[in-house]
PDB file of N, CA and C in Angstrom:
ATOM      1  N   UNK A   1     -15.783  28.762  -2.848  1.00  0.00           N
ATOM      2  CA  UNK A   1     -15.543  28.656  -4.257  1.00  0.00           C
ATOM      3  C   UNK A   1     -14.629  29.778  -4.688  1.00  0.00           C
ATOM      4  N   UNK A   2     -13.764  29.457  -5.556  1.00  0.00           N
ATOM      5  CA  UNK A   2     -12.840  30.508  -6.112  1.00  0.00           C
ATOM      6  C   UNK A   2     -13.018  30.612  -7.615  1.00  0.00           C
ATOM      7  N   UNK A   3     -13.159  31.795  -8.095  1.00  0.00           N
ATOM      8  CA  UNK A   3     -13.275  32.102  -9.519  1.00  0.00           C
ATOM      9  C   UNK A   3     -12.145  33.037  -9.925  1.00  0.00           C
ATOM     10  N   UNK A   4     -11.502  32.787 -10.999  1.00  0.00           N
ATOM     11  CA  UNK A   4     -10.401  33.615 -11.491  1.00  0.00           C
ATOM     12  C   UNK A   4     -10.524  33.756 -13.029  1.00  0.00           C
ATOM     13  N   UNK A   5     -10.001  34.919 -13.489  1.00  0.00           N
ATOM     14  CA  UNK A   5     -10.005  35.182 -14.920  1.00  0.00           C
ATOM     15  C   UNK A   5      -8.790  36.032 -15.226  1.00  0.00           C
ATOM     16  N   UNK A   6      -8.198  35.727 -16.355  1.00  0.00           N
ATOM     17  CA  UNK A   6      -7.073  36.549 -16.740  1.00  0.00           C
ATOM     18  C   UNK A   6      -6.950  36.596 -18.252  1.00  0.00           C
ATOM     19  N   UNK A   7      -6.772  37.847 -18.809  1.00  0.00           N
ATOM     20  CA  UNK A   7      -6.611  37.970 -20.239  1.00  0.00           C
ATOM     21  C   UNK A   7      -5.689  39.142 -20.475  1.00  0.00           C
ATOM     22  N   UNK A   8      -4.681  38.909 -21.296  1.00  0.00           N
ATOM     23  CA  UNK A   8      -3.654  39.935 -21.453  1.00  0.00           C
ATOM     24  C   UNK A   8      -2.984  40.153 -20.169  1.00  0.00           C
ATOM     25  N   UNK A   9      -2.763  41.409 -19.717  1.00  0.00           N
ATOM     26  CA  UNK A   9      -2.125  41.697 -18.468  1.00  0.00           C
ATOM     27  C   UNK A   9      -3.117  41.894 -17.326  1.00  0.00           C
ATOM     28  N   UNK A  10      -4.407  41.678 -17.531  1.00  0.00           N
ATOM     29  CA  UNK A  10      -5.381  41.942 -16.555  1.00  0.00           C
ATOM     30  C   UNK A  10      -5.892  40.618 -15.914  1.00  0.00           C
ATOM     31  N   UNK A  11      -5.891  40.606 -14.603  1.00  0.00           N
ATOM     32  CA  UNK A  11      -6.345  39.375 -13.857  1.00  0.00           C
ATOM     33  C   UNK A  11      -7.311  39.800 -12.725  1.00  0.00           C
ATOM     34  N   UNK A  12      -8.277  38.875 -12.499  1.00  0.00           N
ATOM     35  CA  UNK A  12      -9.135  39.103 -11.342  1.00  0.00           C
ATOM     36  C   UNK A  12      -9.273  37.739 -10.646  1.00  0.00           C
ATOM     37  N   UNK A  13      -9.509  37.767  -9.344  1.00  0.00           N
ATOM     38  CA  UNK A  13      -9.770  36.512  -8.575  1.00  0.00           C
ATOM     39  C   UNK A  13     -10.776  36.867  -7.471  1.00  0.00           C
ATOM     40  N   UNK A  14     -11.751  35.938  -7.283  1.00  0.00           N
ATOM     41  CA  UNK A  14     -12.790  36.136  -6.293  1.00  0.00           C
ATOM     42  C   UNK A  14     -12.981  34.955  -5.461  1.00  0.00           C
ATOM     43  N   UNK A  15     -13.269  35.140  -4.191  1.00  0.00           N
ATOM     44  CA  UNK A  15     -13.643  34.052  -3.306  1.00  0.00           C
ATOM     45  C   UNK A  15     -15.149  34.232  -2.998  1.00  0.00           C
ATOM     46  N   UNK A  16     -15.893  33.203  -3.236  1.00  0.00           N
ATOM     47  CA  UNK A  16     -17.342  33.235  -3.036  1.00  0.00           C
ATOM     48  C   UNK A  16     -17.829  32.201  -2.038  1.00  0.00           C
ATOM     49  N   UNK A  17     -18.805  32.574  -1.277  1.00  0.00           N
ATOM     50  CA  UNK A  17     -19.441  31.646  -0.341  1.00  0.00           C
ATOM     51  C   UNK A  17     -20.264  30.626  -1.184  1.00  0.00           C
ATOM     52  N   UNK A  18     -19.928  29.345  -1.066  1.00  0.00           N
ATOM     53  CA  UNK A  18     -20.550  28.338  -1.880  1.00  0.00           C
ATOM     54  C   UNK A  18     -22.072  28.121  -1.587  1.00  0.00           C
ATOM     55  N   UNK A  19     -22.525  28.564  -0.354  1.00  0.00           N
ATOM     56  CA  UNK A  19     -23.892  28.377   0.002  1.00  0.00           C
ATOM     57  C   UNK A  19     -24.808  29.444  -0.547  1.00  0.00           C
ATOM     58  N   UNK A  20     -24.316  30.687  -0.585  1.00  0.00           N
ATOM     59  CA  UNK A  20     -25.240  31.774  -0.989  1.00  0.00           C
ATOM     60  C   UNK A  20     -24.614  32.625  -2.127  1.00  0.00           C
ATOM     61  N   UNK A  21     -23.368  32.377  -2.600  1.00  0.00           N
ATOM     62  CA  UNK A  21     -22.805  33.143  -3.674  1.00  0.00           C
ATOM     63  C   UNK A  21     -22.244  34.483  -3.280  1.00  0.00           C
ATOM     64  N   UNK A  22     -22.289  34.797  -2.014  1.00  0.00           N
ATOM     65  CA  UNK A  22     -21.766  36.118  -1.554  1.00  0.00           C
ATOM     66  C   UNK A  22     -20.281  36.228  -1.787  1.00  0.00           C
ATOM     67  N   UNK A  23     -19.893  37.406  -2.290  1.00  0.00           N
ATOM     68  CA  UNK A  23     -18.422  37.596  -2.544  1.00  0.00           C
ATOM     69  C   UNK A  23     -17.770  37.835  -1.165  1.00  0.00           C
ATOM     70  N   UNK A  24     -16.760  37.006  -0.882  1.00  0.00           N
ATOM     71  CA  UNK A  24     -16.039  37.064   0.353  1.00  0.00           C
ATOM     72  C   UNK A  24     -14.794  37.972   0.270  1.00  0.00           C
ATOM     73  N   UNK A  25     -14.154  37.930  -0.905  1.00  0.00           N
ATOM     74  CA  UNK A  25     -12.972  38.775  -1.186  1.00  0.00           C
ATOM     75  C   UNK A  25     -12.760  38.844  -2.689  1.00  0.00           C
ATOM     76  N   UNK A  26     -12.020  39.831  -3.079  1.00  0.00           N
ATOM     77  CA  UNK A  26     -11.641  39.949  -4.509  1.00  0.00           C
ATOM     78  C   UNK A  26     -10.313  40.591  -4.664  1.00  0.00           C
ATOM     79  N   UNK A  27      -9.611  40.213  -5.722  1.00  0.00           N
ATOM     80  CA  UNK A  27      -8.369  40.848  -6.099  1.00  0.00           C
ATOM     81  C   UNK A  27      -8.438  41.171  -7.537  1.00  0.00           C
ATOM     82  N   UNK A  28      -7.829  42.224  -8.038  1.00  0.00           N
ATOM     83  CA  UNK A  28      -6.935  43.138  -7.255  1.00  0.00           C
ATOM     84  C   UNK A  28      -7.673  43.993  -6.308  1.00  0.00           C
ATOM     85  N   UNK A  29      -6.942  44.443  -5.311  1.00  0.00           N
ATOM     86  CA  UNK A  29      -7.465  45.365  -4.327  1.00  0.00           C
ATOM     87  C   UNK A  29      -6.498  46.568  -4.249  1.00  0.00           C
ATOM     88  N   UNK A  30      -6.847  47.589  -4.976  1.00  0.00           N
ATOM     89  CA  UNK A  30      -5.966  48.756  -5.131  1.00  0.00           C
ATOM     90  C   UNK A  30      -5.711  49.456  -3.755  1.00  0.00           C
ATOM     91  N   UNK A  31      -6.751  49.504  -2.860  1.00  0.00           N
ATOM     92  CA  UNK A  31      -6.555  50.160  -1.564  1.00  0.00           C
ATOM     93  C   UNK A  31      -5.487  49.419  -0.735  1.00  0.00           C
ATOM     94  N   UNK A  32      -5.433  48.102  -0.842  1.00  0.00           N
ATOM     95  CA  UNK A  32      -4.486  47.284  -0.097  1.00  0.00           C
ATOM     96  C   UNK A  32      -3.257  46.990  -0.876  1.00  0.00           C
ATOM     97  N   UNK A  33      -3.176  47.561  -2.074  1.00  0.00           N
ATOM     98  CA  UNK A  33      -1.963  47.373  -2.974  1.00  0.00           C
ATOM     99  C   UNK A  33      -1.672  45.916  -3.203  1.00  0.00           C
ATOM    100  N   UNK A  34      -2.769  45.138  -3.527  1.00  0.00           N
ATOM    101  CA  UNK A  34      -2.642  43.724  -3.830  1.00  0.00           C
ATOM    102  C   UNK A  34      -3.104  43.448  -5.253  1.00  0.00           C
ATOM    103  N   UNK A  35      -2.348  42.619  -5.907  1.00  0.00           N
ATOM    104  CA  UNK A  35      -2.667  42.209  -7.269  1.00  0.00           C
ATOM    105  C   UNK A  35      -3.347  40.829  -7.280  1.00  0.00           C
ATOM    106  N   UNK A  36      -4.046  40.529  -8.373  1.00  0.00           N
ATOM    107  CA  UNK A  36      -4.593  39.202  -8.520  1.00  0.00           C
ATOM    108  C   UNK A  36      -3.623  38.224  -9.070  1.00  0.00           C
ATOM    109  N   UNK A  37      -3.557  36.998  -8.484  1.00  0.00           N
ATOM    110  CA  UNK A  37      -2.652  36.012  -9.029  1.00  0.00           C
ATOM    111  C   UNK A  37      -3.237  35.260 -10.254  1.00  0.00           C
ATOM    112  N   UNK A  38      -2.396  34.614 -10.942  1.00  0.00           N
ATOM    113  CA  UNK A  38      -2.824  33.580 -11.883  1.00  0.00           C
ATOM    114  C   UNK A  38      -3.071  32.308 -11.097  1.00  0.00           C
ATOM    115  N   UNK A  39      -4.342  31.997 -10.815  1.00  0.00           N
ATOM    116  CA  UNK A  39      -4.697  30.863  -9.948  1.00  0.00           C
ATOM    117  C   UNK A  39      -4.382  29.618 -10.712  1.00  0.00           C
ATOM    118  N   UNK A  40      -3.653  28.742 -10.036  1.00  0.00           N
ATOM    119  CA  UNK A  40      -3.259  27.467 -10.617  1.00  0.00           C
ATOM    120  C   UNK A  40      -4.075  26.287 -10.094  1.00  0.00           C
ATOM    121  N   UNK A  41      -4.452  26.285  -8.777  1.00  0.00           N
ATOM    122  CA  UNK A  41      -5.271  25.270  -8.236  1.00  0.00           C
ATOM    123  C   UNK A  41      -5.721  25.703  -6.826  1.00  0.00           C
ATOM    124  N   UNK A  42      -6.589  24.897  -6.264  1.00  0.00           N
ATOM    125  CA  UNK A  42      -7.029  25.100  -4.828  1.00  0.00           C
ATOM    126  C   UNK A  42      -7.203  23.717  -4.176  1.00  0.00           C
ATOM    127  N   UNK A  43      -6.957  23.731  -2.909  1.00  0.00           N
ATOM    128  CA  UNK A  43      -7.092  22.401  -2.172  1.00  0.00           C
ATOM    129  C   UNK A  43      -7.323  22.677  -0.708  1.00  0.00           C
ATOM    130  N   UNK A  44      -8.364  22.186  -0.095  1.00  0.00           N
ATOM    131  CA  UNK A  44      -8.654  22.244   1.287  1.00  0.00           C
ATOM    132  C   UNK A  44      -8.452  23.661   1.924  1.00  0.00           C
ATOM    133  N   UNK A  45      -9.092  24.606   1.319  1.00  0.00           N
ATOM    134  CA  UNK A  45      -9.053  26.003   1.884  1.00  0.00           C
ATOM    135  C   UNK A  45      -7.858  26.849   1.475  1.00  0.00           C
ATOM    136  N   UNK A  46      -7.021  26.327   0.608  1.00  0.00           N
ATOM    137  CA  UNK A  46      -5.879  27.103   0.119  1.00  0.00           C
ATOM    138  C   UNK A  46      -6.008  27.324  -1.391  1.00  0.00           C
ATOM    139  N   UNK A  47      -5.669  28.510  -1.787  1.00  0.00           N
ATOM    140  CA  UNK A  47      -5.648  28.821  -3.196  1.00  0.00           C
ATOM    141  C   UNK A  47      -4.202  29.072  -3.600  1.00  0.00           C
ATOM    142  N   UNK A  48      -3.773  28.421  -4.646  1.00  0.00           N
ATOM    143  CA  UNK A  48      -2.385  28.489  -5.100  1.00  0.00           C
ATOM    144  C   UNK A  48      -2.339  29.307  -6.390  1.00  0.00           C
ATOM    145  N   UNK A  49      -1.298  30.065  -6.549  1.00  0.00           N
ATOM    146  CA  UNK A  49      -1.149  30.825  -7.778  1.00  0.00           C
ATOM    147  C   UNK A  49       0.209  31.462  -7.970  1.00  0.00           C
ATOM    148  N   UNK A  50       0.337  32.245  -9.028  1.00  0.00           N
ATOM    149  CA  UNK A  50       1.580  32.947  -9.351  1.00  0.00           C
ATOM    150  C   UNK A  50       1.315  34.394  -9.617  1.00  0.00           C
ATOM    151  N   UNK A  51       2.264  35.206  -9.171  1.00  0.00           N
ATOM    152  CA  UNK A  51       2.264  36.634  -9.563  1.00  0.00           C
ATOM    153  C   UNK A  51       3.606  36.955 -10.095  1.00  0.00           C
ATOM    154  N   UNK A  52       3.810  38.208 -10.480  1.00  0.00           N
ATOM    155  CA  UNK A  52       5.119  38.608 -10.966  1.00  0.00           C
ATOM    156  C   UNK A  52       6.164  38.546  -9.859  1.00  0.00           C
ATOM    157  N   UNK A  53       5.714  38.470  -8.595  1.00  0.00           N
ATOM    158  CA  UNK A  53       6.597  38.353  -7.442  1.00  0.00           C
ATOM    159  C   UNK A  53       6.879  36.939  -7.011  1.00  0.00           C
ATOM    160  N   UNK A  54       6.258  35.938  -7.709  1.00  0.00           N
ATOM    161  CA  UNK A  54       6.491  34.564  -7.388  1.00  0.00           C
ATOM    162  C   UNK A  54       5.215  33.813  -6.981  1.00  0.00           C
ATOM    163  N   UNK A  55       5.467  32.615  -6.505  1.00  0.00           N
ATOM    164  CA  UNK A  55       4.325  31.720  -6.080  1.00  0.00           C
ATOM    165  C   UNK A  55       3.687  32.262  -4.801  1.00  0.00           C
ATOM    166  N   UNK A  56       2.348  32.076  -4.698  1.00  0.00           N
ATOM    167  CA  UNK A  56       1.618  32.525  -3.509  1.00  0.00           C
ATOM    168  C   UNK A  56       0.656  31.480  -3.100  1.00  0.00           C
ATOM    169  N   UNK A  57       0.191  31.557  -1.896  1.00  0.00           N
ATOM    170  CA  UNK A  57      -0.950  30.830  -1.347  1.00  0.00           C
ATOM    171  C   UNK A  57      -1.843  31.760  -0.624  1.00  0.00           C
ATOM    172  N   UNK A  58      -3.162  31.631  -0.798  1.00  0.00           N
ATOM    173  CA  UNK A  58      -4.168  32.457  -0.196  1.00  0.00           C
ATOM    174  C   UNK A  58      -5.116  31.613   0.593  1.00  0.00           C
ATOM    175  N   UNK A  59      -5.668  32.136   1.697  1.00  0.00           N
ATOM    176  CA  UNK A  59      -6.779  31.522   2.390  1.00  0.00           C
ATOM    177  C   UNK A  59      -7.985  31.659   1.517  1.00  0.00           C
ATOM    178  N   UNK A  60      -8.667  30.561   1.172  1.00  0.00           N
ATOM    179  CA  UNK A  60      -9.790  30.607   0.260  1.00  0.00           C
ATOM    180  C   UNK A  60     -10.998  31.345   0.847  1.00  0.00           C
ATOM    181  N   UNK A  61     -11.138  31.420   2.171  1.00  0.00           N
ATOM    182  CA  UNK A  61     -12.273  32.048   2.742  1.00  0.00           C
ATOM    183  C   UNK A  61     -12.070  33.574   2.936  1.00  0.00           C
ATOM    184  N   UNK A  62     -10.830  33.974   3.201  1.00  0.00           N
ATOM    185  CA  UNK A  62     -10.541  35.393   3.511  1.00  0.00           C
ATOM    186  C   UNK A  62      -9.758  36.101   2.373  1.00  0.00           C
ATOM    187  N   UNK A  63      -9.061  35.352   1.587  1.00  0.00           N
ATOM    188  CA  UNK A  63      -8.200  35.934   0.554  1.00  0.00           C
ATOM    189  C   UNK A  63      -6.868  36.453   1.084  1.00  0.00           C
ATOM    190  N   UNK A  64      -6.648  36.223   2.364  1.00  0.00           N
ATOM    191  CA  UNK A  64      -5.406  36.711   2.986  1.00  0.00           C
ATOM    192  C   UNK A  64      -4.256  35.793   2.640  1.00  0.00           C
ATOM    193  N   UNK A  65      -3.010  36.410   2.526  1.00  0.00           N
ATOM    194  CA  UNK A  65      -1.868  35.659   2.192  1.00  0.00           C
ATOM    195  C   UNK A  65      -1.525  34.652   3.265  1.00  0.00           C
ATOM    196  N   UNK A  66      -1.086  33.440   2.831  1.00  0.00           N
ATOM    197  CA  UNK A  66      -0.570  32.392   3.682  1.00  0.00           C
ATOM    198  C   UNK A  66       0.938  32.240   3.346  1.00  0.00           C
ATOM    199  N   UNK A  67       1.650  31.503   4.201  1.00  0.00           N
ATOM    200  CA  UNK A  67       3.049  31.325   3.906  1.00  0.00           C
ATOM    201  C   UNK A  67       3.242  30.857   2.479  1.00  0.00           C
ATOM    202  N   UNK A  68       4.286  31.409   1.801  1.00  0.00           N
ATOM    203  CA  UNK A  68       4.479  31.015   0.423  1.00  0.00           C
ATOM    204  C   UNK A  68       4.872  29.542   0.274  1.00  0.00           C
ATOM    205  N   UNK A  69       4.301  28.882  -0.670  1.00  0.00           N
ATOM    206  CA  UNK A  69       4.590  27.455  -0.862  1.00  0.00           C
ATOM    207  C   UNK A  69       5.924  27.253  -1.592  1.00  0.00           C
ATOM    208  N   UNK A  70       6.479  28.327  -2.207  1.00  0.00           N
ATOM    209  CA  UNK A  70       7.705  28.160  -2.992  1.00  0.00           C
ATOM    210  C   UNK A  70       7.503  27.722  -4.392  1.00  0.00           C
ATOM    211  N   UNK A  71       6.246  27.241  -4.698  1.00  0.00           N
ATOM    212  CA  UNK A  71       5.938  26.824  -6.062  1.00  0.00           C
ATOM    213  C   UNK A  71       4.424  26.981  -6.206  1.00  0.00           C
ATOM    214  N   UNK A  72       3.964  27.109  -7.413  1.00  0.00           N
ATOM    215  CA  UNK A  72       2.524  27.250  -7.696  1.00  0.00           C
ATOM    216  C   UNK A  72       2.064  25.858  -8.329  1.00  0.00           C
ATOM    217  N   UNK A  73       1.627  24.913  -7.501  1.00  0.00           N
ATOM    218  CA  UNK A  73       1.208  23.647  -8.017  1.00  0.00           C
ATOM    219  C   UNK A  73       0.041  23.744  -8.963  1.00  0.00           C
ATOM    220  N   UNK A  74       0.012  22.774  -9.904  1.00  0.00           N
ATOM    221  CA  UNK A  74      -1.169  22.693 -10.807  1.00  0.00           C
ATOM    222  C   UNK A  74      -2.169  21.663 -10.278  1.00  0.00           C
ATOM    223  N   UNK A  75      -1.661  20.657  -9.532  1.00  0.00           N
ATOM    224  CA  UNK A  75      -2.483  19.668  -8.918  1.00  0.00           C
ATOM    225  C   UNK A  75      -2.005  19.430  -7.473  1.00  0.00           C
ATOM    226  N   UNK A  76      -2.914  19.192  -6.588  1.00  0.00           N
ATOM    227  CA  UNK A  76      -2.573  18.967  -5.167  1.00  0.00           C
ATOM    228  C   UNK A  76      -3.459  17.927  -4.595  1.00  0.00           C
ATOM    229  N   UNK A  77      -2.875  17.059  -3.762  1.00  0.00           N
ATOM    230  CA  UNK A  77      -3.680  16.170  -2.988  1.00  0.00           C
ATOM    231  C   UNK A  77      -3.114  16.129  -1.551  1.00  0.00           C
ATOM    232  N   UNK A  78      -3.510  15.197  -0.707  1.00  0.00           N
ATOM    233  CA  UNK A  78      -3.093  15.189   0.665  1.00  0.00           C
ATOM    234  C   UNK A  78      -1.608  14.985   0.845  1.00  0.00           C
ATOM    235  N   UNK A  79      -0.869  14.544  -0.129  1.00  0.00           N
ATOM    236  CA  UNK A  79       0.567  14.313   0.101  1.00  0.00           C
ATOM    237  C   UNK A  79       1.493  15.047  -0.888  1.00  0.00           C
ATOM    238  N   UNK A  80       1.017  15.416  -2.020  1.00  0.00           N
ATOM    239  CA  UNK A  80       1.870  15.938  -3.062  1.00  0.00           C
ATOM    240  C   UNK A  80       1.303  17.176  -3.800  1.00  0.00           C
ATOM    241  N   UNK A  81       2.136  18.102  -4.099  1.00  0.00           N
ATOM    242  CA  UNK A  81       1.767  19.179  -5.023  1.00  0.00           C
ATOM    243  C   UNK A  81       2.550  19.049  -6.272  1.00  0.00           C
ATOM    244  N   UNK A  82       1.932  18.979  -7.455  1.00  0.00           N
ATOM    245  CA  UNK A  82       2.631  18.820  -8.694  1.00  0.00           C
ATOM    246  C   UNK A  82       2.610  20.099  -9.512  1.00  0.00           C
ATOM    247  N   UNK A  83       3.765  20.455 -10.014  1.00  0.00           N
ATOM    248  CA  UNK A  83       3.862  21.656 -10.848  1.00  0.00           C
ATOM    249  C   UNK A  83       4.940  21.574 -11.846  1.00  0.00           C
ATOM    250  N   UNK A  84       5.075  22.600 -12.632  1.00  0.00           N
ATOM    251  CA  UNK A  84       6.146  22.617 -13.642  1.00  0.00           C
ATOM    252  C   UNK A  84       7.338  23.346 -13.106  1.00  0.00           C
ATOM    253  N   UNK A  85       8.479  22.717 -13.053  1.00  0.00           N
ATOM    254  CA  UNK A  85       9.735  23.309 -12.620  1.00  0.00           C
ATOM    255  C   UNK A  85      10.665  23.483 -13.826  1.00  0.00           C
ATOM    256  N   UNK A  86      11.890  23.838 -13.551  1.00  0.00           N
ATOM    257  CA  UNK A  86      12.879  24.083 -14.556  1.00  0.00           C
ATOM    258  C   UNK A  86      13.185  22.784 -15.346  1.00  0.00           C
ATOM    259  N   UNK A  87      13.026  21.671 -14.688  1.00  0.00           N
ATOM    260  CA  UNK A  87      13.343  20.390 -15.343  1.00  0.00           C
ATOM    261  C   UNK A  87      12.089  19.591 -15.719  1.00  0.00           C
ATOM    262  N   UNK A  88      10.975  20.229 -15.789  1.00  0.00           N
ATOM    263  CA  UNK A  88       9.731  19.560 -16.199  1.00  0.00           C
ATOM    264  C   UNK A  88       8.795  19.417 -14.989  1.00  0.00           C
ATOM    265  N   UNK A  89       8.009  18.375 -15.010  1.00  0.00           N
ATOM    266  CA  UNK A  89       7.042  18.132 -13.934  1.00  0.00           C
ATOM    267  C   UNK A  89       7.782  17.829 -12.610  1.00  0.00           C
ATOM    268  N   UNK A  90       7.378  18.528 -11.560  1.00  0.00           N
ATOM    269  CA  UNK A  90       8.090  18.368 -10.272  1.00  0.00           C
ATOM    270  C   UNK A  90       7.041  18.159  -9.236  1.00  0.00           C
ATOM    271  N   UNK A  91       7.342  17.193  -8.266  1.00  0.00           N
ATOM    272  CA  UNK A  91       6.419  16.934  -7.147  1.00  0.00           C
ATOM    273  C   UNK A  91       7.001  17.503  -5.918  1.00  0.00           C
ATOM    274  N   UNK A  92       6.175  18.156  -5.110  1.00  0.00           N
ATOM    275  CA  UNK A  92       6.609  18.765  -3.856  1.00  0.00           C
ATOM    276  C   UNK A  92       5.725  18.154  -2.757  1.00  0.00           C
ATOM    277  N   UNK A  93       6.375  17.741  -1.619  1.00  0.00           N
ATOM    278  CA  UNK A  93       5.575  17.242  -0.507  1.00  0.00           C
ATOM    279  C   UNK A  93       4.712  18.330   0.103  1.00  0.00           C
ATOM    280  N   UNK A  94       3.522  17.963   0.471  1.00  0.00           N
ATOM    281  CA  UNK A  94       2.607  18.910   1.125  1.00  0.00           C
ATOM    282  C   UNK A  94       2.638  18.661   2.612  1.00  0.00           C
ATOM    283  N   UNK A  95       2.194  19.695   3.331  1.00  0.00           N
ATOM    284  CA  UNK A  95       2.038  19.580   4.810  1.00  0.00           C
ATOM    285  C   UNK A  95       0.746  20.155   5.231  1.00  0.00           C
ATOM    286  N   UNK A  96       0.193  19.714   6.342  1.00  0.00           N
ATOM    287  CA  UNK A  96      -1.103  20.158   6.767  1.00  0.00           C
ATOM    288  C   UNK A  96      -0.975  21.382   7.716  1.00  0.00           C
TER     289      UNK A  96
END
């Protein structure tokens, strides 16, 4: 389970074990020099979001960075990620 909150310039994101509620990871992490993203969606173990440095993907269980998706989708399914691009709603193919 992923929980995120942002207000003003302050953001937090947490990964929680769905069975017992234990915190698995949290951002920001000052020791690791990592900021919390604006979480846009999650799908099959990936958390998608945006930071001031661009779109990101995180492993939902560990919070570790995954290869950048190039966009921060708002909706994802097994074949498409949908997000807002320069020309409006944009669909991006997904891969497993």
